Amino acid sequence: MGRTRRISPAFYGRPQYNAKIQLVGGGELPLTPAGTTAYEKNIAGLKDGSLTDNARKFCVPDGLPRVLANPYPFEIIQAPPGQVTIIYELSHQVRMIAMDKPLPSDEDLLVLPFFNGHSVGHFDGDTLVVESAGFKENSLVDATGARIPTRCARSSASAG
């Protein structure tokens, strides 16, 4: 009979879990005071066990802003007309950003929340400016009306 070989978990490159969002290059997250309070509350809840990280436990999408800080690639596509689409490798998420349109009303956002919220955007020169709201309650963002602004600009390495 053959011998069974044990493979160390480290073989699979499984890193230590850390719910803290870490910026490439370091620094603090650019959150509003209300966003900082919600973020710190979420981190404390994850540490003391009063909050469950469903994205890691049940493989559901991270939601904003965590999906922006994951180590996996994503692609930004300016299509179809009137929309920017972001496709994330993590959890196979697709985020649709309606261009030059207002966000739906708070009442409409409560009816159909998304993990990444509902997003609208516009270009400010070469920078894509996006506002998102209407998040699912089980995402790690305050789902009671939080609005998350995002700015995406080309780096000199990707320009061309």
N, C-alpha and C. Protein backbone atom coordinates (compact mmCIF):
# COMPACT_ATOMS: atom_id res chain seq x y z
N MET A 1 0.85 -1.18 0.00
CA MET A 1 0.00 0.00 0.00
C MET A 1 0.89 1.25 0.00
N GLY A 2 0.39 2.31 -0.60
CA GLY A 2 1.14 3.56 -0.64
C GLY A 2 1.05 4.33 0.66
N ARG A 3 2.00 5.23 0.83
CA ARG A 3 1.99 6.07 2.03
C ARG A 3 1.22 7.35 1.75
N THR A 4 0.49 7.82 2.75
CA THR A 4 -0.22 9.09 2.64
C THR A 4 0.73 10.20 3.05
N ARG A 5 0.82 11.20 2.20
CA ARG A 5 1.71 12.31 2.47
C ARG A 5 0.90 13.49 3.01
N ARG A 6 1.30 14.01 4.16
CA ARG A 6 0.62 15.18 4.73
C ARG A 6 1.19 16.44 4.10
N ILE A 7 0.30 17.33 3.73
CA ILE A 7 0.72 18.60 3.15
C ILE A 7 0.39 19.70 4.15
N SER A 8 1.37 20.51 4.44
CA SER A 8 1.19 21.61 5.39
C SER A 8 0.22 22.64 4.83
N PRO A 9 -0.65 23.23 5.70
CA PRO A 9 -1.54 24.29 5.23
C PRO A 9 -0.77 25.46 4.61
N ALA A 10 0.48 25.67 5.08
CA ALA A 10 1.28 26.76 4.53
C ALA A 10 1.59 26.53 3.05
N PHE A 11 1.54 25.26 2.61
CA PHE A 11 1.78 24.92 1.21
C PHE A 11 0.81 25.65 0.29
N TYR A 12 -0.39 25.83 0.72
CA TYR A 12 -1.41 26.48 -0.09
C TYR A 12 -1.36 28.00 -0.03
N GLY A 13 -0.41 28.54 0.69
CA GLY A 13 -0.26 29.98 0.76
C GLY A 13 -1.38 30.66 1.52
N ARG A 14 -1.97 29.96 2.47
CA ARG A 14 -3.08 30.53 3.24
C ARG A 14 -2.53 31.55 4.22
N PRO A 15 -2.75 32.85 3.98
CA PRO A 15 -2.21 33.87 4.88
C PRO A 15 -3.03 33.98 6.17
N GLN A 16 -2.47 34.63 7.15
CA GLN A 16 -3.17 34.92 8.40
C GLN A 16 -4.33 35.86 8.07
N TYR A 17 -5.53 35.58 8.58
CA TYR A 17 -6.70 36.42 8.32
C TYR A 17 -6.59 37.74 9.07
N ASN A 18 -6.90 38.82 8.39
CA ASN A 18 -6.90 40.14 8.99
C ASN A 18 -7.99 40.95 8.30
N ALA A 19 -9.02 41.34 9.05
CA ALA A 19 -10.14 42.08 8.47
C ALA A 19 -9.80 43.53 8.19
N LYS A 20 -8.69 44.02 8.72
CA LYS A 20 -8.33 45.42 8.54
C LYS A 20 -7.99 45.68 7.07
N ILE A 21 -8.54 46.75 6.52
CA ILE A 21 -8.23 47.14 5.15
C ILE A 21 -6.90 47.86 5.18
N GLN A 22 -5.96 47.38 4.37
CA GLN A 22 -4.63 47.97 4.33
C GLN A 22 -4.37 48.56 2.95
N LEU A 23 -3.98 49.81 2.92
CA LEU A 23 -3.72 50.50 1.66
C LEU A 23 -2.36 50.10 1.11
N VAL A 24 -2.28 49.93 -0.20
CA VAL A 24 -1.00 49.69 -0.84
C VAL A 24 -0.15 50.93 -0.61
N GLY A 25 1.04 50.76 -0.11
CA GLY A 25 1.91 51.89 0.18
C GLY A 25 1.73 52.44 1.59
N GLY A 26 0.76 51.90 2.34
CA GLY A 26 0.54 52.32 3.73
C GLY A 26 -0.35 53.54 3.84
N GLY A 27 -0.49 54.02 5.04
CA GLY A 27 -1.31 55.18 5.29
C GLY A 27 -2.67 54.81 5.85
N GLU A 28 -3.43 55.83 6.18
CA GLU A 28 -4.77 55.64 6.77
C GLU A 28 -5.83 55.65 5.67
N LEU A 29 -6.92 54.98 5.94
CA LEU A 29 -8.04 54.98 5.00
C LEU A 29 -8.65 56.38 4.90
N PRO A 30 -9.00 56.83 3.70
CA PRO A 30 -9.59 58.16 3.54
C PRO A 30 -11.09 58.14 3.84
N LEU A 31 -11.44 57.92 5.10
CA LEU A 31 -12.84 57.83 5.51
C LEU A 31 -13.31 59.13 6.15
N THR A 32 -14.59 59.40 6.04
CA THR A 32 -15.19 60.52 6.76
C THR A 32 -15.22 60.16 8.24
N PRO A 33 -15.48 61.12 9.13
CA PRO A 33 -15.59 60.76 10.55
C PRO A 33 -16.66 59.69 10.81
N ALA A 34 -17.80 59.77 10.12
CA ALA A 34 -18.84 58.74 10.29
C ALA A 34 -18.36 57.40 9.76
N GLY A 35 -17.63 57.40 8.64
CA GLY A 35 -17.09 56.17 8.09
C GLY A 35 -16.05 55.55 9.00
N THR A 36 -15.20 56.39 9.60
CA THR A 36 -14.20 55.90 10.55
C THR A 36 -14.87 55.25 11.76
N THR A 37 -15.93 55.87 12.27
CA THR A 37 -16.66 55.31 13.41
C THR A 37 -17.28 53.96 13.05
N ALA A 38 -17.92 53.86 11.88
CA ALA A 38 -18.52 52.59 11.45
C ALA A 38 -17.45 51.53 11.23
N TYR A 39 -16.33 51.91 10.63
CA TYR A 39 -15.24 50.97 10.36
C TYR A 39 -14.66 50.44 11.68
N GLU A 40 -14.39 51.34 12.62
CA GLU A 40 -13.84 50.91 13.91
C GLU A 40 -14.83 50.01 14.66
N LYS A 41 -16.12 50.31 14.57
CA LYS A 41 -17.15 49.47 15.19
C LYS A 41 -17.14 48.07 14.57
N ASN A 42 -17.03 48.01 13.24
CA ASN A 42 -16.98 46.71 12.56
C ASN A 42 -15.74 45.92 12.96
N ILE A 43 -14.58 46.55 13.00
CA ILE A 43 -13.34 45.86 13.37
C ILE A 43 -13.43 45.35 14.81
N ALA A 44 -13.97 46.18 15.71
CA ALA A 44 -14.13 45.74 17.11
C ALA A 44 -15.10 44.57 17.19
N GLY A 45 -16.19 44.61 16.44
CA GLY A 45 -17.16 43.52 16.43
C GLY A 45 -16.57 42.22 15.90
N LEU A 46 -15.71 42.33 14.89
CA LEU A 46 -15.04 41.13 14.36
C LEU A 46 -14.09 40.55 15.39
N LYS A 47 -13.40 41.43 16.12
CA LYS A 47 -12.44 40.95 17.13
C LYS A 47 -13.14 40.29 18.31
N ASP A 48 -14.26 40.88 18.78
CA ASP A 48 -14.92 40.32 19.98
C ASP A 48 -15.97 39.26 19.64
N GLY A 49 -16.20 39.02 18.34
CA GLY A 49 -17.12 37.97 17.92
C GLY A 49 -18.57 38.38 17.84
N SER A 50 -18.88 39.66 18.10
CA SER A 50 -20.27 40.10 18.02
C SER A 50 -20.71 40.35 16.57
N LEU A 51 -19.76 40.34 15.65
CA LEU A 51 -20.03 40.53 14.22
C LEU A 51 -19.32 39.41 13.47
N THR A 52 -20.01 38.82 12.51
CA THR A 52 -19.44 37.74 11.71
C THR A 52 -19.01 38.28 10.36
N ASP A 53 -17.84 37.87 9.91
CA ASP A 53 -17.35 38.25 8.59
C ASP A 53 -17.92 37.26 7.58
N ASN A 54 -19.13 37.54 7.11
CA ASN A 54 -19.81 36.63 6.19
C ASN A 54 -19.05 36.41 4.89
N ALA A 55 -18.28 37.42 4.46
CA ALA A 55 -17.52 37.28 3.22
C ALA A 55 -16.52 36.14 3.33
N ARG A 56 -15.92 35.96 4.49
CA ARG A 56 -14.93 34.90 4.68
C ARG A 56 -15.61 33.59 5.11
N LYS A 57 -16.68 33.68 5.87
CA LYS A 57 -17.33 32.49 6.40
C LYS A 57 -18.18 31.78 5.35
N PHE A 58 -18.89 32.54 4.51
CA PHE A 58 -19.82 31.95 3.55
C PHE A 58 -19.49 32.25 2.09
N CYS A 59 -18.33 32.84 1.84
CA CYS A 59 -17.90 33.16 0.46
C CYS A 59 -18.90 34.04 -0.27
N VAL A 60 -19.42 35.05 0.40
CA VAL A 60 -20.27 36.04 -0.26
C VAL A 60 -19.40 37.26 -0.57
N PRO A 61 -19.83 38.15 -1.44
CA PRO A 61 -18.99 39.30 -1.80
C PRO A 61 -18.63 40.17 -0.60
N ASP A 62 -17.45 40.78 -0.70
CA ASP A 62 -16.95 41.68 0.34
C ASP A 62 -17.77 42.95 0.45
N GLY A 63 -18.16 43.51 -0.67
CA GLY A 63 -18.79 44.82 -0.65
C GLY A 63 -17.75 45.92 -0.56
N LEU A 64 -18.21 47.16 -0.72
CA LEU A 64 -17.31 48.31 -0.62
C LEU A 64 -17.06 48.65 0.84
N PRO A 65 -15.94 49.16 1.19
CA PRO A 65 -14.77 49.42 0.35
C PRO A 65 -13.80 48.24 0.28
N ARG A 66 -14.11 47.13 0.96
CA ARG A 66 -13.16 46.01 1.05
C ARG A 66 -12.81 45.42 -0.31
N VAL A 67 -13.73 45.38 -1.26
CA VAL A 67 -13.43 44.79 -2.55
C VAL A 67 -12.33 45.58 -3.27
N LEU A 68 -12.18 46.85 -2.94
CA LEU A 68 -11.15 47.68 -3.57
C LEU A 68 -9.76 47.38 -3.02
N ALA A 69 -9.68 46.73 -1.86
CA ALA A 69 -8.40 46.48 -1.21
C ALA A 69 -8.01 45.00 -1.25
N ASN A 70 -8.68 44.19 -2.05
CA ASN A 70 -8.32 42.78 -2.10
C ASN A 70 -7.11 42.59 -3.02
N PRO A 71 -6.38 41.48 -2.86
CA PRO A 71 -5.15 41.28 -3.64
C PRO A 71 -5.38 40.71 -5.04
N TYR A 72 -6.62 40.53 -5.45
CA TYR A 72 -6.91 39.91 -6.74
C TYR A 72 -7.18 40.95 -7.81
N PRO A 73 -6.95 40.62 -9.07
CA PRO A 73 -7.13 41.61 -10.13
C PRO A 73 -8.59 41.97 -10.39
N PHE A 74 -8.77 43.14 -10.97
CA PHE A 74 -10.09 43.56 -11.43
C PHE A 74 -9.89 44.33 -12.72
N GLU A 75 -10.96 44.45 -13.48
CA GLU A 75 -10.89 45.13 -14.77
C GLU A 75 -11.98 46.19 -14.83
N ILE A 76 -11.62 47.37 -15.31
CA ILE A 76 -12.58 48.47 -15.48
C ILE A 76 -12.85 48.61 -16.98
N ILE A 77 -14.13 48.50 -17.36
CA ILE A 77 -14.53 48.54 -18.76
C ILE A 77 -15.52 49.69 -18.95
N GLN A 78 -15.25 50.55 -19.92
CA GLN A 78 -16.15 51.66 -20.19
C GLN A 78 -17.17 51.22 -21.24
N ALA A 79 -18.11 50.38 -20.80
CA ALA A 79 -19.14 49.82 -21.69
C ALA A 79 -20.18 49.14 -20.82
N PRO A 80 -21.40 49.02 -21.27
CA PRO A 80 -21.99 49.57 -22.49
C PRO A 80 -22.10 51.10 -22.40
N PRO A 81 -22.56 51.76 -23.46
CA PRO A 81 -22.66 53.22 -23.40
C PRO A 81 -23.46 53.70 -22.18
N GLY A 82 -22.93 54.73 -21.54
CA GLY A 82 -23.60 55.29 -20.36
C GLY A 82 -23.30 54.52 -19.08
N GLN A 83 -22.33 53.62 -19.13
CA GLN A 83 -22.02 52.80 -17.95
C GLN A 83 -20.54 52.46 -17.92
N VAL A 84 -19.98 52.39 -16.72
CA VAL A 84 -18.66 51.82 -16.49
C VAL A 84 -18.90 50.54 -15.71
N THR A 85 -18.26 49.46 -16.13
CA THR A 85 -18.43 48.17 -15.49
C THR A 85 -17.11 47.74 -14.89
N ILE A 86 -17.12 47.33 -13.61
CA ILE A 86 -15.93 46.81 -12.97
C ILE A 86 -16.17 45.33 -12.69
N ILE A 87 -15.26 44.51 -13.18
CA ILE A 87 -15.35 43.06 -12.97
C ILE A 87 -14.21 42.67 -12.03
N TYR A 88 -14.58 42.13 -10.87
CA TYR A 88 -13.61 41.71 -9.86
C TYR A 88 -13.43 40.20 -9.92
N GLU A 89 -12.17 39.74 -9.84
CA GLU A 89 -11.93 38.31 -9.81
C GLU A 89 -12.46 37.70 -8.50
N LEU A 90 -12.31 38.41 -7.40
CA LEU A 90 -12.77 37.92 -6.10
C LEU A 90 -14.28 37.77 -6.09
N SER A 91 -14.76 36.59 -5.84
CA SER A 91 -16.20 36.28 -5.77
C SER A 91 -16.93 36.55 -7.09
N HIS A 92 -16.19 36.74 -8.18
CA HIS A 92 -16.78 36.96 -9.50
C HIS A 92 -17.82 38.08 -9.48
N GLN A 93 -17.47 39.18 -8.85
CA GLN A 93 -18.40 40.30 -8.73
C GLN A 93 -18.39 41.18 -9.97
N VAL A 94 -19.54 41.73 -10.28
CA VAL A 94 -19.67 42.71 -11.35
C VAL A 94 -20.32 43.94 -10.74
N ARG A 95 -19.68 45.08 -10.91
CA ARG A 95 -20.21 46.34 -10.37
C ARG A 95 -20.51 47.26 -11.54
N MET A 96 -21.76 47.67 -11.65
CA MET A 96 -22.19 48.54 -12.74
C MET A 96 -22.33 49.97 -12.21
N ILE A 97 -21.71 50.90 -12.90
CA ILE A 97 -21.75 52.31 -12.50
C ILE A 97 -22.46 53.09 -13.60
N ALA A 98 -23.65 53.59 -13.29
CA ALA A 98 -24.41 54.41 -14.25
C ALA A 98 -23.74 55.79 -14.32
N MET A 99 -23.46 56.23 -15.52
CA MET A 99 -22.74 57.49 -15.70
C MET A 99 -23.70 58.66 -15.87
N ASP A 100 -23.34 59.77 -15.21
CA ASP A 100 -24.06 61.03 -15.33
C ASP A 100 -25.54 60.91 -15.01
N LYS A 101 -25.85 60.10 -14.01
CA LYS A 101 -27.22 59.95 -13.52
C LYS A 101 -27.21 60.14 -12.00
N PRO A 102 -28.32 60.56 -11.42
CA PRO A 102 -28.37 60.68 -9.95
C PRO A 102 -28.58 59.31 -9.30
N LEU A 103 -28.18 59.20 -8.04
CA LEU A 103 -28.48 57.99 -7.27
C LEU A 103 -29.98 57.88 -7.08
N PRO A 104 -30.51 56.67 -7.01
CA PRO A 104 -31.94 56.52 -6.68
C PRO A 104 -32.23 57.12 -5.30
N SER A 105 -33.49 57.36 -5.02
CA SER A 105 -33.88 57.91 -3.71
C SER A 105 -33.58 56.90 -2.62
N ASP A 106 -33.47 57.37 -1.38
CA ASP A 106 -33.23 56.47 -0.24
C ASP A 106 -34.30 55.39 -0.14
N GLU A 107 -35.55 55.75 -0.43
CA GLU A 107 -36.64 54.77 -0.38
C GLU A 107 -36.41 53.67 -1.42
N ASP A 108 -35.99 54.04 -2.63
CA ASP A 108 -35.73 53.05 -3.68
C ASP A 108 -34.52 52.18 -3.33
N LEU A 109 -33.50 52.77 -2.69
CA LEU A 109 -32.31 52.01 -2.32
C LEU A 109 -32.61 50.95 -1.27
N LEU A 110 -33.56 51.22 -0.38
CA LEU A 110 -33.91 50.26 0.67
C LEU A 110 -34.60 49.02 0.13
N VAL A 111 -35.28 49.15 -1.01
CA VAL A 111 -36.04 48.04 -1.59
C VAL A 111 -35.12 46.96 -2.16
N LEU A 112 -34.03 47.35 -2.81
CA LEU A 112 -33.16 46.39 -3.48
C LEU A 112 -31.69 46.72 -3.20
N PRO A 113 -31.19 46.39 -2.01
CA PRO A 113 -29.79 46.66 -1.69
C PRO A 113 -28.85 45.65 -2.37
N PHE A 114 -27.62 46.07 -2.66
CA PHE A 114 -26.58 45.22 -3.28
C PHE A 114 -25.37 45.18 -2.35
N PHE A 115 -24.53 44.14 -2.50
CA PHE A 115 -23.30 44.07 -1.71
C PHE A 115 -22.40 45.28 -1.99
N ASN A 116 -22.30 45.69 -3.25
CA ASN A 116 -21.48 46.84 -3.61
C ASN A 116 -22.30 48.12 -3.72
N GLY A 117 -23.55 48.07 -3.31
CA GLY A 117 -24.42 49.23 -3.38
C GLY A 117 -24.81 49.54 -4.81
N HIS A 118 -25.54 50.61 -4.98
CA HIS A 118 -25.88 51.14 -6.30
C HIS A 118 -24.89 52.28 -6.54
N SER A 119 -24.33 52.34 -7.74
CA SER A 119 -23.28 53.33 -8.01
C SER A 119 -23.61 54.20 -9.20
N VAL A 120 -23.29 55.48 -9.08
CA VAL A 120 -23.38 56.44 -10.17
C VAL A 120 -22.05 57.16 -10.25
N GLY A 121 -21.69 57.61 -11.44
CA GLY A 121 -20.39 58.25 -11.58
C GLY A 121 -20.35 59.29 -12.66
N HIS A 122 -19.22 59.99 -12.69
CA HIS A 122 -18.93 60.95 -13.74
C HIS A 122 -17.41 61.10 -13.82
N PHE A 123 -16.94 61.64 -14.91
CA PHE A 123 -15.51 61.89 -15.05
C PHE A 123 -15.20 63.33 -14.67
N ASP A 124 -14.14 63.49 -13.87
CA ASP A 124 -13.59 64.79 -13.51
C ASP A 124 -12.21 64.81 -14.16
N GLY A 125 -12.14 65.27 -15.42
CA GLY A 125 -10.90 65.14 -16.19
C GLY A 125 -10.67 63.66 -16.49
N ASP A 126 -9.50 63.14 -16.09
CA ASP A 126 -9.19 61.73 -16.30
C ASP A 126 -9.56 60.87 -15.10
N THR A 127 -10.20 61.46 -14.11
CA THR A 127 -10.54 60.72 -12.89
C THR A 127 -12.01 60.31 -12.89
N LEU A 128 -12.25 59.03 -12.64
CA LEU A 128 -13.61 58.52 -12.50
C LEU A 128 -14.04 58.75 -11.05
N VAL A 129 -15.11 59.50 -10.86
CA VAL A 129 -15.63 59.80 -9.53
C VAL A 129 -16.95 59.05 -9.38
N VAL A 130 -17.04 58.20 -8.34
CA VAL A 130 -18.20 57.33 -8.16
C VAL A 130 -18.77 57.54 -6.77
N GLU A 131 -20.10 57.58 -6.67
CA GLU A 131 -20.78 57.60 -5.37
C GLU A 131 -21.67 56.36 -5.31
N SER A 132 -21.58 55.63 -4.19
CA SER A 132 -22.34 54.40 -4.02
C SER A 132 -23.15 54.45 -2.73
N ALA A 133 -24.34 53.88 -2.77
CA ALA A 133 -25.22 53.80 -1.60
C ALA A 133 -26.15 52.61 -1.82
N GLY A 134 -26.91 52.24 -0.78
CA GLY A 134 -27.86 51.14 -0.90
C GLY A 134 -27.21 49.79 -0.75
N PHE A 135 -26.51 49.58 0.37
CA PHE A 135 -25.76 48.35 0.61
C PHE A 135 -26.59 47.33 1.37
N LYS A 136 -26.31 46.04 1.12
CA LYS A 136 -26.95 44.98 1.89
C LYS A 136 -26.56 45.11 3.36
N GLU A 137 -27.47 44.75 4.25
CA GLU A 137 -27.21 44.87 5.68
C GLU A 137 -26.05 44.01 6.15
N ASN A 138 -25.81 42.87 5.49
CA ASN A 138 -24.75 42.00 5.96
C ASN A 138 -23.39 42.31 5.33
N SER A 139 -23.27 43.43 4.61
CA SER A 139 -21.94 43.86 4.19
C SER A 139 -21.33 44.63 5.35
N LEU A 140 -20.02 44.81 5.31
CA LEU A 140 -19.36 45.47 6.44
C LEU A 140 -19.37 46.99 6.30
N VAL A 141 -20.41 47.51 5.70
CA VAL A 141 -20.62 48.95 5.61
C VAL A 141 -21.93 49.22 6.32
N ASP A 142 -22.03 50.37 6.94
CA ASP A 142 -23.28 50.74 7.59
C ASP A 142 -24.37 50.82 6.53
N ALA A 143 -25.34 49.93 6.59
CA ALA A 143 -26.37 49.84 5.55
C ALA A 143 -27.51 50.83 5.73
N THR A 144 -27.41 51.72 6.70
CA THR A 144 -28.52 52.63 6.98
C THR A 144 -28.30 53.99 6.33
N GLY A 145 -27.92 53.98 5.06
CA GLY A 145 -27.81 55.26 4.36
C GLY A 145 -26.39 55.71 4.11
N ALA A 146 -25.40 54.85 4.34
CA ALA A 146 -24.01 55.24 4.08
C ALA A 146 -23.83 55.51 2.59
N ARG A 147 -23.07 56.53 2.28
CA ARG A 147 -22.72 56.84 0.90
C ARG A 147 -21.20 56.83 0.82
N ILE A 148 -20.68 56.07 -0.13
CA ILE A 148 -19.24 55.91 -0.25
C ILE A 148 -18.77 56.55 -1.55
N PRO A 149 -17.94 57.60 -1.46
CA PRO A 149 -17.36 58.17 -2.67
C PRO A 149 -16.06 57.42 -3.02
N THR A 150 -15.80 57.27 -4.31
CA THR A 150 -14.58 56.61 -4.77
C THR A 150 -14.03 57.43 -5.94
N ARG A 151 -12.71 57.58 -5.97
CA ARG A 151 -12.06 58.27 -7.08
C ARG A 151 -11.02 57.33 -7.67
N CYS A 152 -11.09 57.08 -8.97
CA CYS A 152 -10.15 56.20 -9.66
C CYS A 152 -9.44 57.00 -10.73
N ALA A 153 -8.12 57.06 -10.66
CA ALA A 153 -7.35 57.78 -11.66
C ALA A 153 -6.29 56.84 -12.23
N ARG A 154 -5.96 57.02 -13.49
CA ARG A 154 -4.90 56.24 -14.11
C ARG A 154 -3.57 56.58 -13.46
N SER A 155 -2.75 55.56 -13.21
CA SER A 155 -1.40 55.82 -12.78
C SER A 155 -0.55 55.98 -14.04
N SER A 156 0.63 56.56 -13.92
CA SER A 156 1.47 56.77 -15.10
C SER A 156 1.85 55.44 -15.72
N ALA A 157 1.93 54.36 -14.91
CA ALA A 157 2.30 53.04 -15.43
C ALA A 157 1.21 52.45 -16.31
N SER A 158 -0.06 52.81 -16.05
CA SER A 158 -1.15 52.22 -16.82
C SER A 158 -1.66 53.14 -17.93
N ALA A 159 -1.13 54.36 -17.99
CA ALA A 159 -1.59 55.29 -19.01
C ALA A 159 -1.07 54.87 -20.38
N GLY A 160 -1.88 55.08 -21.37
CA GLY A 160 -1.36 54.79 -22.70
C GLY A 160 -2.30 54.27 -23.64
